[in-house]
C-alpha atoms as a PDB file:
ATOM      1  CA  UNK A   1      -0.050   0.169  -0.037  1.00  0.00           C
ATOM      2  CA  UNK A   2       1.734   3.201  -0.756  1.00  0.00           C
ATOM      3  CA  UNK A   3       0.451   5.726   2.007  1.00  0.00           C
ATOM      4  CA  UNK A   4       1.197   8.605  -0.051  1.00  0.00           C
ATOM      5  CA  UNK A   5      -1.902   8.068  -2.150  1.00  0.00           C
ATOM      6  CA  UNK A   6      -4.882   9.634  -1.175  1.00  0.00           C
ATOM      7  CA  UNK A   7      -3.233  11.465   1.666  1.00  0.00           C
ATOM      8  CA  UNK A   8      -4.761  14.852   2.548  1.00  0.00           C
ATOM      9  CA  UNK A   9      -2.965  18.278   2.121  1.00  0.00           C
ATOM     10  CA  UNK A  10      -3.339  18.463   5.659  1.00  0.00           C
ATOM     11  CA  UNK A  11      -1.346  15.608   6.052  1.00  0.00           C
ATOM     12  CA  UNK A  12       1.074  16.192   3.621  1.00  0.00           C
ATOM     13  CA  UNK A  13       1.705  19.585   5.272  1.00  0.00           C
ATOM     14  CA  UNK A  14       1.893  18.283   8.640  1.00  0.00           C
ATOM     15  CA  UNK A  15       4.559  15.795   7.889  1.00  0.00           C
ATOM     16  CA  UNK A  16       6.585  17.943   5.716  1.00  0.00           C
ATOM     17  CA  UNK A  17       6.705  20.533   8.666  1.00  0.00           C
ATOM     18  CA  UNK A  18       8.291  17.531  11.281  1.00  0.00           C
ATOM     19  CA  UNK A  19      10.352  17.115   8.350  1.00  0.00           C
ATOM     20  CA  UNK A  20      11.516  20.497   7.664  1.00  0.00           C
ATOM     21  CA  UNK A  21      11.687  20.866  11.497  1.00  0.00           C
ATOM     22  CA  UNK A  22      14.226  17.744  11.674  1.00  0.00           C
ATOM     23  CA  UNK A  23      16.386  18.717   8.615  1.00  0.00           C
ATOM     24  CA  UNK A  24      16.808  22.245  10.354  1.00  0.00           C
ATOM     25  CA  UNK A  25      17.931  20.684  13.840  1.00  0.00           C
ATOM     26  CA  UNK A  26      20.347  18.692  11.527  1.00  0.00           C
ATOM     27  CA  UNK A  27      21.468  21.482   9.505  1.00  0.00           C
ATOM     28  CA  UNK A  28      24.472  22.982  11.535  1.00  0.00           C
ATOM     29  CA  UNK A  29      26.118  19.120  11.467  1.00  0.00           C
ATOM     30  CA  UNK A  30      25.042  18.004   7.758  1.00  0.00           C
ATOM     31  CA  UNK A  31      28.110  19.445   5.968  1.00  0.00           C
ATOM     32  CA  UNK A  32      30.740  17.896   8.223  1.00  0.00           C
ATOM     33  CA  UNK A  33      29.575  14.230   7.610  1.00  0.00           C
ATOM     34  CA  UNK A  34      31.355  13.846   4.316  1.00  0.00           C
ATOM     35  CA  UNK A  35      34.474  16.250   5.025  1.00  0.00           C
ATOM     36  CA  UNK A  36      38.014  14.774   4.609  1.00  0.00           C
ATOM     37  CA  UNK A  37      36.598  11.775   3.663  1.00  0.00           C
ATOM     38  CA  UNK A  38      37.009  10.682   7.738  1.00  0.00           C
ATOM     39  CA  UNK A  39      35.268   7.971   8.734  1.00  0.00           C
ATOM     40  CA  UNK A  40      32.581   8.046  11.730  1.00  0.00           C
ATOM     41  CA  UNK A  41      32.544   5.886  14.494  1.00  0.00           C
ATOM     42  CA  UNK A  42      30.433   5.168  18.112  1.00  0.00           C
ATOM     43  CA  UNK A  43      28.210   8.034  18.680  1.00  0.00           C
ATOM     44  CA  UNK A  44      28.715  10.450  15.158  1.00  0.00           C
ATOM     45  CA  UNK A  45      28.014   7.121  13.148  1.00  0.00           C
ATOM     46  CA  UNK A  46      25.256   6.055  15.363  1.00  0.00           C
ATOM     47  CA  UNK A  47      23.851   9.460  15.125  1.00  0.00           C
ATOM     48  CA  UNK A  48      24.118   9.812  11.651  1.00  0.00           C
ATOM     49  CA  UNK A  49      22.274   6.769  11.008  1.00  0.00           C
ATOM     50  CA  UNK A  50      19.453   7.441  13.212  1.00  0.00           C
ATOM     51  CA  UNK A  51      19.123  11.224  10.962  1.00  0.00           C
ATOM     52  CA  UNK A  52      19.136   9.121   7.891  1.00  0.00           C
ATOM     53  CA  UNK A  53      16.473   6.926   9.372  1.00  0.00           C
ATOM     54  CA  UNK A  54      14.349   9.537  10.220  1.00  0.00           C
ATOM     55  CA  UNK A  55      14.573  11.188   6.895  1.00  0.00           C
ATOM     56  CA  UNK A  56      13.319   7.871   5.641  1.00  0.00           C
ATOM     57  CA  UNK A  57      10.446   7.602   7.732  1.00  0.00           C
ATOM     58  CA  UNK A  58       9.357  11.223   7.203  1.00  0.00           C
ATOM     59  CA  UNK A  59       9.386  10.743   3.462  1.00  0.00           C
ATOM     60  CA  UNK A  60       8.719   7.005   2.765  1.00  0.00           C
ATOM     61  CA  UNK A  61       6.660   5.448   5.669  1.00  0.00           C
ATOM     62  CA  UNK A  62       7.235   2.371   7.559  1.00  0.00           C
ATOM     63  CA  UNK A  63       6.942   0.434   4.143  1.00  0.00           C
ATOM     64  CA  UNK A  64       9.651   2.163   2.933  1.00  0.00           C
ATOM     65  CA  UNK A  65      11.525   1.769   6.260  1.00  0.00           C
ATOM     66  CA  UNK A  66      14.596  -0.840   5.390  1.00  0.00           C
ATOM     67  CA  UNK A  67      17.773  -1.809   6.242  1.00  0.00           C
ATOM     68  CA  UNK A  68      18.738  -0.955   2.735  1.00  0.00           C
ATOM     69  CA  UNK A  69      17.240   2.515   2.162  1.00  0.00           C
ATOM     70  CA  UNK A  70      18.181   3.720   5.782  1.00  0.00           C
ATOM     71  CA  UNK A  71      22.053   2.226   4.911  1.00  0.00           C
ATOM     72  CA  UNK A  72      21.837   3.918   1.488  1.00  0.00           C
ATOM     73  CA  UNK A  73      20.951   7.620   2.949  1.00  0.00           C
ATOM     74  CA  UNK A  74      23.271   7.154   5.742  1.00  0.00           C
ATOM     75  CA  UNK A  75      26.393   6.102   3.526  1.00  0.00           C
ATOM     76  CA  UNK A  76      27.011   3.128   5.337  1.00  0.00           C
ATOM     77  CA  UNK A  77      26.549  -0.827   5.380  1.00  0.00           C
ATOM     78  CA  UNK A  78      23.572  -2.897   6.375  1.00  0.00           C
ATOM     79  CA  UNK A  79      26.097  -4.933   8.338  1.00  0.00           C
ATOM     80  CA  UNK A  80      26.934  -1.611  10.265  1.00  0.00           C
ATOM     81  CA  UNK A  81      23.062  -1.577  10.866  1.00  0.00           C
ATOM     82  CA  UNK A  82      22.302  -4.954  11.867  1.00  0.00           C
ATOM     83  CA  UNK A  83      25.170  -5.471  14.319  1.00  0.00           C
ATOM     84  CA  UNK A  84      23.273  -2.019  16.255  1.00  0.00           C
ATOM     85  CA  UNK A  85      19.933  -2.858  15.841  1.00  0.00           C
ATOM     86  CA  UNK A  86      19.207  -6.694  14.910  1.00  0.00           C
ATOM     87  CA  UNK A  87      15.323  -6.252  13.995  1.00  0.00           C
ATOM     88  CA  UNK A  88      13.818  -3.550  12.165  1.00  0.00           C
ATOM     89  CA  UNK A  89      11.392  -2.680  15.055  1.00  0.00           C
ATOM     90  CA  UNK A  90      14.652  -1.911  16.783  1.00  0.00           C
ATOM     91  CA  UNK A  91      16.086   0.350  14.426  1.00  0.00           C
ATOM     92  CA  UNK A  92      12.775   2.291  14.527  1.00  0.00           C
ATOM     93  CA  UNK A  93      12.362   2.447  18.465  1.00  0.00           C
ATOM     94  CA  UNK A  94      16.027   3.829  18.338  1.00  0.00           C
ATOM     95  CA  UNK A  95      14.966   6.172  15.520  1.00  0.00           C
ATOM     96  CA  UNK A  96      11.922   7.485  17.366  1.00  0.00           C
ATOM     97  CA  UNK A  97      13.146   7.781  20.742  1.00  0.00           C
ATOM     98  CA  UNK A  98      15.909  10.154  19.497  1.00  0.00           C
ATOM     99  CA  UNK A  99      13.100  12.504  18.182  1.00  0.00           C
ATOM    100  CA  UNK A 100      10.563  12.113  20.632  1.00  0.00           C
ATOM    101  CA  UNK A 101      11.288  14.597  22.911  1.00  0.00           C
ATOM    102  CA  UNK A 102       9.426  15.315  26.371  1.00  0.00           C
ATOM    103  CA  UNK A 103       7.066  18.032  26.236  1.00  0.00           C
ATOM    104  CA  UNK A 104       8.121  20.827  29.270  1.00  0.00           C
ATOM    105  CA  UNK A 105       6.227  21.135  31.700  1.00  0.00           C
ATOM    106  CA  UNK A 106       5.240  24.725  32.774  1.00  0.00           C
ATOM    107  CA  UNK A 107       5.191  25.511  36.545  1.00  0.00           C
ATOM    108  CA  UNK A 108       3.408  28.927  36.868  1.00  0.00           C
ATOM    109  CA  UNK A 109       1.703  28.638  40.541  1.00  0.00           C
ATOM    110  CA  UNK A 110      -1.508  27.981  38.948  1.00  0.00           C
ATOM    111  CA  UNK A 111      -3.361  24.723  38.354  1.00  0.00           C
ATOM    112  CA  UNK A 112      -5.703  26.087  35.341  1.00  0.00           C
ATOM    113  CA  UNK A 113      -2.128  28.041  34.101  1.00  0.00           C
ATOM    114  CA  UNK A 114      -0.164  25.223  33.983  1.00  0.00           C
ATOM    115  CA  UNK A 115      -2.628  22.829  32.374  1.00  0.00           C
ATOM    116  CA  UNK A 116      -3.086  25.349  29.259  1.00  0.00           C
ATOM    117  CA  UNK A 117       0.632  25.889  29.439  1.00  0.00           C
ATOM    118  CA  UNK A 118       0.927  22.389  28.790  1.00  0.00           C
ATOM    119  CA  UNK A 119      -1.428  22.159  26.128  1.00  0.00           C
ATOM    120  CA  UNK A 120      -0.320  24.719  23.769  1.00  0.00           C
ATOM    121  CA  UNK A 121       3.422  23.060  24.418  1.00  0.00           C
ATOM    122  CA  UNK A 122       1.643  19.669  23.393  1.00  0.00           C
ATOM    123  CA  UNK A 123       0.310  21.111  20.614  1.00  0.00           C
ATOM    124  CA  UNK A 124       3.070  22.920  19.571  1.00  0.00           C
ATOM    125  CA  UNK A 125       5.289  19.907  19.546  1.00  0.00           C
ATOM    126  CA  UNK A 126       2.932  17.182  18.454  1.00  0.00           C
ATOM    127  CA  UNK A 127       1.012  17.944  16.021  1.00  0.00           C
ATOM    128  CA  UNK A 128       3.176  17.227  12.915  1.00  0.00           C
ATOM    129  CA  UNK A 129       4.453  14.148  14.980  1.00  0.00           C
ATOM    130  CA  UNK A 130       1.180  12.685  15.758  1.00  0.00           C
ATOM    131  CA  UNK A 131      -0.156  13.084  12.053  1.00  0.00           C
ATOM    132  CA  UNK A 132       3.362  11.834  11.066  1.00  0.00           C
ATOM    133  CA  UNK A 133       3.286   8.689  13.879  1.00  0.00           C
ATOM    134  CA  UNK A 134      -0.489   7.848  12.611  1.00  0.00           C
ATOM    135  CA  UNK A 135      -0.230   7.869   8.795  1.00  0.00           C
ATOM    136  CA  UNK A 136       3.391   6.482   8.449  1.00  0.00           C
ATOM    137  CA  UNK A 137       3.308   4.055  10.671  1.00  0.00           C
ATOM    138  CA  UNK A 138      -0.091   2.441  10.051  1.00  0.00           C
ATOM    139  CA  UNK A 139       2.116  -0.565   8.466  1.00  0.00           C
ATOM    140  CA  UNK A 140       4.090  -0.929  11.830  1.00  0.00           C
ATOM    141  CA  UNK A 141       0.721  -1.070  13.574  1.00  0.00           C
ATOM    142  CA  UNK A 142      -0.923  -3.189  11.729  1.00  0.00           C
ATOM    143  CA  UNK A 143       2.171  -5.631  11.072  1.00  0.00           C
ATOM    144  CA  UNK A 144       2.873  -5.723  15.165  1.00  0.00           C
ATOM    145  CA  UNK A 145      -0.987  -5.584  16.317  1.00  0.00           C
ATOM    146  CA  UNK A 146      -0.334  -2.284  18.557  1.00  0.00           C
ATOM    147  CA  UNK A 147      -1.586   1.095  19.007  1.00  0.00           C
ATOM    148  CA  UNK A 148      -0.081   4.526  19.152  1.00  0.00           C
ATOM    149  CA  UNK A 149      -1.237   4.615  22.741  1.00  0.00           C
ATOM    150  CA  UNK A 150       1.266   1.414  23.522  1.00  0.00           C
ATOM    151  CA  UNK A 151       4.008   3.146  21.503  1.00  0.00           C
ATOM    152  CA  UNK A 152       3.875   6.330  23.245  1.00  0.00           C
ATOM    153  CA  UNK A 153       4.400   4.294  26.769  1.00  0.00           C
ATOM    154  CA  UNK A 154       7.620   2.330  24.846  1.00  0.00           C
ATOM    155  CA  UNK A 155       9.185   5.598  24.269  1.00  0.00           C
ATOM    156  CA  UNK A 156       8.963   7.071  27.502  1.00  0.00           C
ATOM    157  CA  UNK A 157      11.514   6.568  30.067  1.00  0.00           C
ATOM    158  CA  UNK A 158      10.741   3.877  32.888  1.00  0.00           C
ATOM    159  CA  UNK A 159       8.623   5.143  35.470  1.00  0.00           C
ATOM    160  CA  UNK A 160       8.206   8.387  34.322  1.00  0.00           C
ATOM    161  CA  UNK A 161       4.583   9.860  35.605  1.00  0.00           C
ATOM    162  CA  UNK A 162       2.653  11.767  32.937  1.00  0.00           C
ATOM    163  CA  UNK A 163       2.375  15.784  32.510  1.00  0.00           C
ATOM    164  CA  UNK A 164      -1.051  15.593  33.733  1.00  0.00           C
ATOM    165  CA  UNK A 165      -0.143  13.436  36.876  1.00  0.00           C
ATOM    166  CA  UNK A 166       2.777  16.371  37.690  1.00  0.00           C
ATOM    167  CA  UNK A 167       0.624  19.421  37.020  1.00  0.00           C
ATOM    168  CA  UNK A 168      -2.285  17.773  39.561  1.00  0.00           C
ATOM    169  CA  UNK A 169       0.316  17.037  42.533  1.00  0.00           C
ATOM    170  CA  UNK A 170       1.764  20.189  42.331  1.00  0.00           C
ATOM    171  CA  UNK A 171      -2.081  21.443  43.013  1.00  0.00           C
ATOM    172  CA  UNK A 172      -2.476  19.207  45.787  1.00  0.00           C
ATOM    173  CA  UNK A 173       0.690  20.237  47.021  1.00  0.00           C
ATOM    174  CA  UNK A 174      -0.291  23.965  47.055  1.00  0.00           C
ATOM    175  CA  UNK A 175      -3.799  23.424  47.968  1.00  0.00           C
ATOM    176  CA  UNK A 176      -5.252  23.872  45.235  1.00  0.00           C
ATOM    177  CA  UNK A 177      -7.190  20.480  44.913  1.00  0.00           C
ATOM    178  CA  UNK A 178      -7.812  18.136  47.752  1.00  0.00           C
ATOM    179  CA  UNK A 179      -5.453  15.165  48.349  1.00  0.00           C
ATOM    180  CA  UNK A 180      -8.015  12.006  46.904  1.00  0.00           C
ATOM    181  CA  UNK A 181      -8.043   9.467  45.091  1.00  0.00           C
ATOM    182  CA  UNK A 182      -8.460  10.199  41.094  1.00  0.00           C
ATOM    183  CA  UNK A 183      -8.527   7.715  38.189  1.00  0.00           C
ATOM    184  CA  UNK A 184      -6.029   7.879  35.671  1.00  0.00           C
ATOM    185  CA  UNK A 185      -8.410   8.624  32.966  1.00  0.00           C
ATOM    186  CA  UNK A 186      -9.832  11.955  34.548  1.00  0.00           C
ATOM    187  CA  UNK A 187      -6.161  13.127  35.286  1.00  0.00           C
ATOM    188  CA  UNK A 188      -5.233  12.328  31.792  1.00  0.00           C
ATOM    189  CA  UNK A 189      -8.095  13.755  30.145  1.00  0.00           C
ATOM    190  CA  UNK A 190      -7.066  17.056  28.568  1.00  0.00           C
ATOM    191  CA  UNK A 191      -4.177  15.547  26.491  1.00  0.00           C
ATOM    192  CA  UNK A 192      -6.560  12.548  25.439  1.00  0.00           C
ATOM    193  CA  UNK A 193      -8.840  14.954  24.525  1.00  0.00           C
ATOM    194  CA  UNK A 194      -6.301  17.224  22.155  1.00  0.00           C
ATOM    195  CA  UNK A 195      -5.067  14.300  20.879  1.00  0.00           C
ATOM    196  CA  UNK A 196      -8.192  13.352  19.641  1.00  0.00           C
ATOM    197  CA  UNK A 197      -8.613  16.711  18.463  1.00  0.00           C
ATOM    198  CA  UNK A 198      -5.525  16.076  16.208  1.00  0.00           C
ATOM    199  CA  UNK A 199      -6.236  13.463  15.158  1.00  0.00           C
ATOM    200  CA  UNK A 200      -9.821  14.152  13.713  1.00  0.00           C
ATOM    201  CA  UNK A 201      -8.060  17.572  11.901  1.00  0.00           C
ATOM    202  CA  UNK A 202      -4.756  16.309  11.104  1.00  0.00           C
ATOM    203  CA  UNK A 203      -3.469  19.828  12.432  1.00  0.00           C
ATOM    204  CA  UNK A 204      -2.880  22.048  15.786  1.00  0.00           C
ATOM    205  CA  UNK A 205      -5.526  23.034  17.688  1.00  0.00           C
ATOM    206  CA  UNK A 206      -7.364  26.438  18.053  1.00  0.00           C
ATOM    207  CA  UNK A 207      -6.147  27.907  21.115  1.00  0.00           C
ATOM    208  CA  UNK A 208     -10.340  28.306  22.343  1.00  0.00           C
ATOM    209  CA  UNK A 209     -10.484  24.803  22.183  1.00  0.00           C
ATOM    210  CA  UNK A 210      -7.232  24.234  24.145  1.00  0.00           C
ATOM    211  CA  UNK A 211      -9.010  26.669  26.593  1.00  0.00           C
ATOM    212  CA  UNK A 212     -12.548  24.985  26.407  1.00  0.00           C
ATOM    213  CA  UNK A 213     -11.159  21.448  27.465  1.00  0.00           C
ATOM    214  CA  UNK A 214      -9.368  22.905  30.750  1.00  0.00           C
ATOM    215  CA  UNK A 215     -12.129  25.504  31.838  1.00  0.00           C
ATOM    216  CA  UNK A 216     -15.013  23.288  30.638  1.00  0.00           C
ATOM    217  CA  UNK A 217     -14.703  20.038  31.066  1.00  0.00           C
ATOM    218  CA  UNK A 218     -11.561  19.080  33.136  1.00  0.00           C
ATOM    219  CA  UNK A 219     -11.447  21.664  35.902  1.00  0.00           C
ATOM    220  CA  UNK A 220     -15.126  20.896  36.637  1.00  0.00           C
ATOM    221  CA  UNK A 221     -14.363  17.269  36.495  1.00  0.00           C
ATOM    222  CA  UNK A 222     -11.924  18.150  39.304  1.00  0.00           C
ATOM    223  CA  UNK A 223     -14.623  20.215  41.367  1.00  0.00           C
ATOM    224  CA  UNK A 224     -12.830  23.526  40.810  1.00  0.00           C
ATOM    225  CA  UNK A 225     -14.384  25.508  38.223  1.00  0.00           C
ATOM    226  CA  UNK A 226     -12.738  26.863  35.079  1.00  0.00           C
ATOM    227  CA  UNK A 227     -12.240  30.797  34.525  1.00  0.00           C
ATOM    228  CA  UNK A 228     -15.825  30.639  32.335  1.00  0.00           C
ATOM    229  CA  UNK A 229     -18.478  29.994  33.830  1.00  0.00           C
ATOM    230  CA  UNK A 230     -21.106  30.383  30.763  1.00  0.00           C
ATOM    231  CA  UNK A 231     -20.845  28.135  27.532  1.00  0.00           C
ATOM    232  CA  UNK A 232     -18.007  28.963  24.954  1.00  0.00           C
ATOM    233  CA  UNK A 233     -19.179  30.436  21.372  1.00  0.00           C
ATOM    234  CA  UNK A 234     -17.878  27.359  20.333  1.00  0.00           C
ATOM    235  CA  UNK A 235     -19.540  24.848  22.392  1.00  0.00           C
ATOM    236  CA  UNK A 236     -23.243  26.956  21.717  1.00  0.00           C
ATOM    237  CA  UNK A 237     -22.576  26.291  18.054  1.00  0.00           C
ATOM    238  CA  UNK A 238     -21.648  23.021  18.405  1.00  0.00           C
ATOM    239  CA  UNK A 239     -25.426  22.050  20.504  1.00  0.00           C
ATOM    240  CA  UNK A 240     -27.090  23.908  18.463  1.00  0.00           C
ATOM    241  CA  UNK A 241     -28.076  21.873  15.698  1.00  0.00           C
ATOM    242  CA  UNK A 242     -29.046  18.908  18.229  1.00  0.00           C
ATOM    243  CA  UNK A 243     -31.670  21.581  20.319  1.00  0.00           C
END
């Protein structure tokens, strides 16, 4: 299956943006790769391979993510890759781990501002990545019987608490929230809703939607009123056809 065929303009734009961002991060070191014909070793060689693997994944998806293609792009040989990553899935996870950076968690001293600030950061950092992973890794998920959620858990450092677990714990320490048991689903709901919007639209989530998630859904669930007591204009518009 050719994943490029039938892809929407939004998907192409988001995937292209992810590739451009990665290329920009590497621009400073790209010229040095072949300078003087010096042989790359150790971490330098591994970085070059993972950079090449990322480019292949962005351009060709998991279907084209082969040892041959990655080795050719990196200017090395397949045995070099096999020695480091015996299975193609090992190479894929190593590649994603390098480029899947943790999202910054704000510490504003206020529960609402922390939540909105984190969703803004996630929206800026993950919109293109989510599109890339959902579209370009479709073959991986089918072949392994896994999901994006499971892949995300694999990429997180062991024992790492979620961002909203951290945000809620800080609010409890400050006395903004009572120290009572809360389900993981409720605590992490804002990011789940943000991801849902990303998947449905294949683009960044508008600011008003981020504020709505926090003020009209999450804070009331936690028993804390949001900044807006009346329904937002977007919420009214969505409900109007059903009334």
